[in-house]
Amino acid sequence: MIYGRHYIQKKATDADGYINEDGDYIASDSEWSKDKILCDIVAENGRISAAHYADGIERAYSYVISLDLDCPDFKIGEKVLITNSTTQEEKTVVGFQRYSIIVKIWV
């Protein structure tokens, strides 16, 4: 998934989950946000890389995604959907950083 125009979508949750009559937690239905954000992706040449973050934890990632500054914030652990004209991949955010002219996400 290196070539072509890519989009990223956040997972949108409609409501909180609930506890059924048996006492089991049932997660709410969720779907992908309708907003598709244009992005650039750099793959790590088919290998997994690791980064050390300020919280002291090392997290593995396979893509670095660059976005414009007007994009929403992403949280570590949040699910995202990366799509282009032919493929789609669900990934988990392992890093998020706003720089002065760009935003980067590691997934």
C-alpha atoms as a PDB file:
ATOM      1  CA  MET A   1       0.000   0.000   0.000  1.00  0.00           C
ATOM      2  CA  ILE A   2       2.720   2.461  -0.913  1.00  0.00           C
ATOM      3  CA  TYR A   3       1.491   4.033  -4.152  1.00  0.00           C
ATOM      4  CA  GLY A   4      -1.501   6.206  -5.008  1.00  0.00           C
ATOM      5  CA  ARG A   5      -3.703   8.532  -3.036  1.00  0.00           C
ATOM      6  CA  HIS A   6      -4.558   7.367   0.483  1.00  0.00           C
ATOM      7  CA  TYR A   7      -7.235   8.312   2.968  1.00  0.00           C
ATOM      8  CA  ILE A   8      -7.500   7.698   6.694  1.00  0.00           C
ATOM      9  CA  GLN A   9     -10.710   7.404   8.698  1.00  0.00           C
ATOM     10  CA  LYS A  10     -11.250   7.292  12.435  1.00  0.00           C
ATOM     11  CA  LYS A  11     -13.491   4.729  14.085  1.00  0.00           C
ATOM     12  CA  ALA A  12     -16.710   6.418  15.196  1.00  0.00           C
ATOM     13  CA  THR A  13     -18.749   4.952  18.052  1.00  0.00           C
ATOM     14  CA  ASP A  14     -22.435   5.780  18.191  1.00  0.00           C
ATOM     15  CA  ALA A  15     -23.049   5.042  21.864  1.00  0.00           C
ATOM     16  CA  ASP A  16     -21.525   3.487  24.948  1.00  0.00           C
ATOM     17  CA  GLY A  17     -21.845  -0.242  25.459  1.00  0.00           C
ATOM     18  CA  TYR A  18     -24.255  -1.781  27.930  1.00  0.00           C
ATOM     19  CA  ILE A  19     -24.547  -4.702  30.351  1.00  0.00           C
ATOM     20  CA  ASN A  20     -27.122  -7.308  29.335  1.00  0.00           C
ATOM     21  CA  GLU A  21     -29.400  -9.296  31.668  1.00  0.00           C
ATOM     22  CA  ASP A  22     -26.679 -11.961  32.122  1.00  0.00           C
ATOM     23  CA  GLY A  23     -24.243  -9.335  33.390  1.00  0.00           C
ATOM     24  CA  ASP A  24     -22.066  -9.431  30.237  1.00  0.00           C
ATOM     25  CA  TYR A  25     -20.735  -6.204  28.744  1.00  0.00           C
ATOM     26  CA  ILE A  26     -21.928  -5.682  25.168  1.00  0.00           C
ATOM     27  CA  ALA A  27     -19.892  -3.188  23.147  1.00  0.00           C
ATOM     28  CA  SER A  28     -21.816  -0.673  21.084  1.00  0.00           C
ATOM     29  CA  ASP A  29     -21.939  -0.875  17.333  1.00  0.00           C
ATOM     30  CA  SER A  30     -19.342   1.321  15.744  1.00  0.00           C
ATOM     31  CA  GLU A  31     -18.575   2.306  12.224  1.00  0.00           C
ATOM     32  CA  TRP A  32     -15.994   4.332  10.379  1.00  0.00           C
ATOM     33  CA  SER A  33     -16.290   8.107  10.337  1.00  0.00           C
ATOM     34  CA  LYS A  34     -17.761   9.566   7.170  1.00  0.00           C
ATOM     35  CA  ASP A  35     -14.827  12.024   6.987  1.00  0.00           C
ATOM     36  CA  LYS A  36     -12.004  10.717   4.809  1.00  0.00           C
ATOM     37  CA  ILE A  37      -8.754  12.588   5.436  1.00  0.00           C
ATOM     38  CA  LEU A  38      -6.228  12.741   2.595  1.00  0.00           C
ATOM     39  CA  CYS A  39      -2.793  11.546   3.719  1.00  0.00           C
ATOM     40  CA  ASP A  40       0.666  10.463   2.597  1.00  0.00           C
ATOM     41  CA  ILE A  41       2.030   7.127   3.793  1.00  0.00           C
ATOM     42  CA  VAL A  42       5.602   5.931   4.088  1.00  0.00           C
ATOM     43  CA  ALA A  43       5.918   2.179   4.530  1.00  0.00           C
ATOM     44  CA  GLU A  44       8.864   0.806   6.462  1.00  0.00           C
ATOM     45  CA  ASN A  45      10.025  -1.324   3.498  1.00  0.00           C
ATOM     46  CA  GLY A  46       7.996  -4.342   4.565  1.00  0.00           C
ATOM     47  CA  ARG A  47       9.488  -4.520   8.040  1.00  0.00           C
ATOM     48  CA  ILE A  48       8.252  -3.551  11.466  1.00  0.00           C
ATOM     49  CA  SER A  49      10.060  -0.666  13.151  1.00  0.00           C
ATOM     50  CA  ALA A  50       9.952   0.403  16.781  1.00  0.00           C
ATOM     51  CA  ALA A  51       9.882   3.837  18.318  1.00  0.00           C
ATOM     52  CA  HIS A  52      10.451   4.990  21.886  1.00  0.00           C
ATOM     53  CA  TYR A  53       7.889   7.484  23.164  1.00  0.00           C
ATOM     54  CA  ALA A  54       7.859  10.012  25.994  1.00  0.00           C
ATOM     55  CA  ASP A  55       5.842   7.638  28.192  1.00  0.00           C
ATOM     56  CA  GLY A  56       8.835   5.243  28.153  1.00  0.00           C
ATOM     57  CA  ILE A  57       7.134   2.533  26.127  1.00  0.00           C
ATOM     58  CA  GLU A  58       8.491   1.093  22.898  1.00  0.00           C
ATOM     59  CA  ARG A  59       5.817   0.493  20.247  1.00  0.00           C
ATOM     60  CA  ALA A  60       6.127  -1.288  16.900  1.00  0.00           C
ATOM     61  CA  TYR A  61       4.798   0.382  13.751  1.00  0.00           C
ATOM     62  CA  SER A  62       4.717  -0.385  10.040  1.00  0.00           C
ATOM     63  CA  TYR A  63       3.607   2.956   8.505  1.00  0.00           C
ATOM     64  CA  VAL A  64       4.272   6.633   9.114  1.00  0.00           C
ATOM     65  CA  ILE A  65       1.308   8.752   7.983  1.00  0.00           C
ATOM     66  CA  SER A  66       1.632  12.479   7.250  1.00  0.00           C
ATOM     67  CA  LEU A  67      -1.426  14.738   7.460  1.00  0.00           C
ATOM     68  CA  ASP A  68      -2.237  18.431   7.134  1.00  0.00           C
ATOM     69  CA  LEU A  69      -2.405  20.517  10.323  1.00  0.00           C
ATOM     70  CA  ASP A  70      -6.195  20.903  10.145  1.00  0.00           C
ATOM     71  CA  CYS A  71      -6.736  17.181  10.832  1.00  0.00           C
ATOM     72  CA  PRO A  72      -8.331  15.990  14.099  1.00  0.00           C
ATOM     73  CA  ASP A  73      -6.256  14.593  16.963  1.00  0.00           C
ATOM     74  CA  PHE A  74      -5.679  10.847  17.101  1.00  0.00           C
ATOM     75  CA  LYS A  75      -5.177   8.890  20.332  1.00  0.00           C
ATOM     76  CA  ILE A  76      -2.791   6.026  20.982  1.00  0.00           C
ATOM     77  CA  GLY A  77      -4.750   2.783  20.743  1.00  0.00           C
ATOM     78  CA  GLU A  78      -7.379   4.266  18.431  1.00  0.00           C
ATOM     79  CA  LYS A  79      -8.369   2.211  15.369  1.00  0.00           C
ATOM     80  CA  VAL A  80      -8.010   3.802  11.925  1.00  0.00           C
ATOM     81  CA  LEU A  81      -8.881   2.631   8.436  1.00  0.00           C
ATOM     82  CA  ILE A  82      -6.376   3.357   5.666  1.00  0.00           C
ATOM     83  CA  THR A  83      -7.786   3.136   2.134  1.00  0.00           C
ATOM     84  CA  ASN A  84      -6.856   3.828  -1.453  1.00  0.00           C
ATOM     85  CA  SER A  85      -8.622   2.975  -4.698  1.00  0.00           C
ATOM     86  CA  THR A  86      -7.914  -0.763  -4.427  1.00  0.00           C
ATOM     87  CA  THR A  87      -7.112  -1.720  -0.822  1.00  0.00           C
ATOM     88  CA  GLN A  88      -8.020  -1.007   2.777  1.00  0.00           C
ATOM     89  CA  GLU A  89      -6.259  -1.823   6.028  1.00  0.00           C
ATOM     90  CA  GLU A  90      -7.317  -1.413   9.646  1.00  0.00           C
ATOM     91  CA  LYS A  91      -4.467  -0.308  11.918  1.00  0.00           C
ATOM     92  CA  THR A  92      -3.956   0.853  15.498  1.00  0.00           C
ATOM     93  CA  VAL A  93      -2.380   4.232  16.273  1.00  0.00           C
ATOM     94  CA  VAL A  94       0.861   3.819  18.249  1.00  0.00           C
ATOM     95  CA  GLY A  95       2.076   7.421  18.013  1.00  0.00           C
ATOM     96  CA  PHE A  96       0.730  10.900  17.228  1.00  0.00           C
ATOM     97  CA  GLN A  97       2.669  14.170  16.949  1.00  0.00           C
ATOM     98  CA  ARG A  98       1.785  17.681  15.757  1.00  0.00           C
ATOM     99  CA  TYR A  99       4.768  19.504  14.288  1.00  0.00           C
ATOM    100  CA  SER A 100       4.838  23.139  13.113  1.00  0.00           C
ATOM    101  CA  ILE A 101       3.859  22.360   9.504  1.00  0.00           C
ATOM    102  CA  ILE A 102       2.639  18.738   9.516  1.00  0.00           C
ATOM    103  CA  VAL A 103       1.034  16.040  11.646  1.00  0.00           C
ATOM    104  CA  LYS A 104       2.467  12.535  11.860  1.00  0.00           C
ATOM    105  CA  ILE A 105       0.813   9.308  12.958  1.00  0.00           C
ATOM    106  CA  TRP A 106       2.595   5.992  13.480  1.00  0.00           C
ATOM    107  CA  VAL A 107       0.504   2.848  12.912  1.00  0.00           C
END
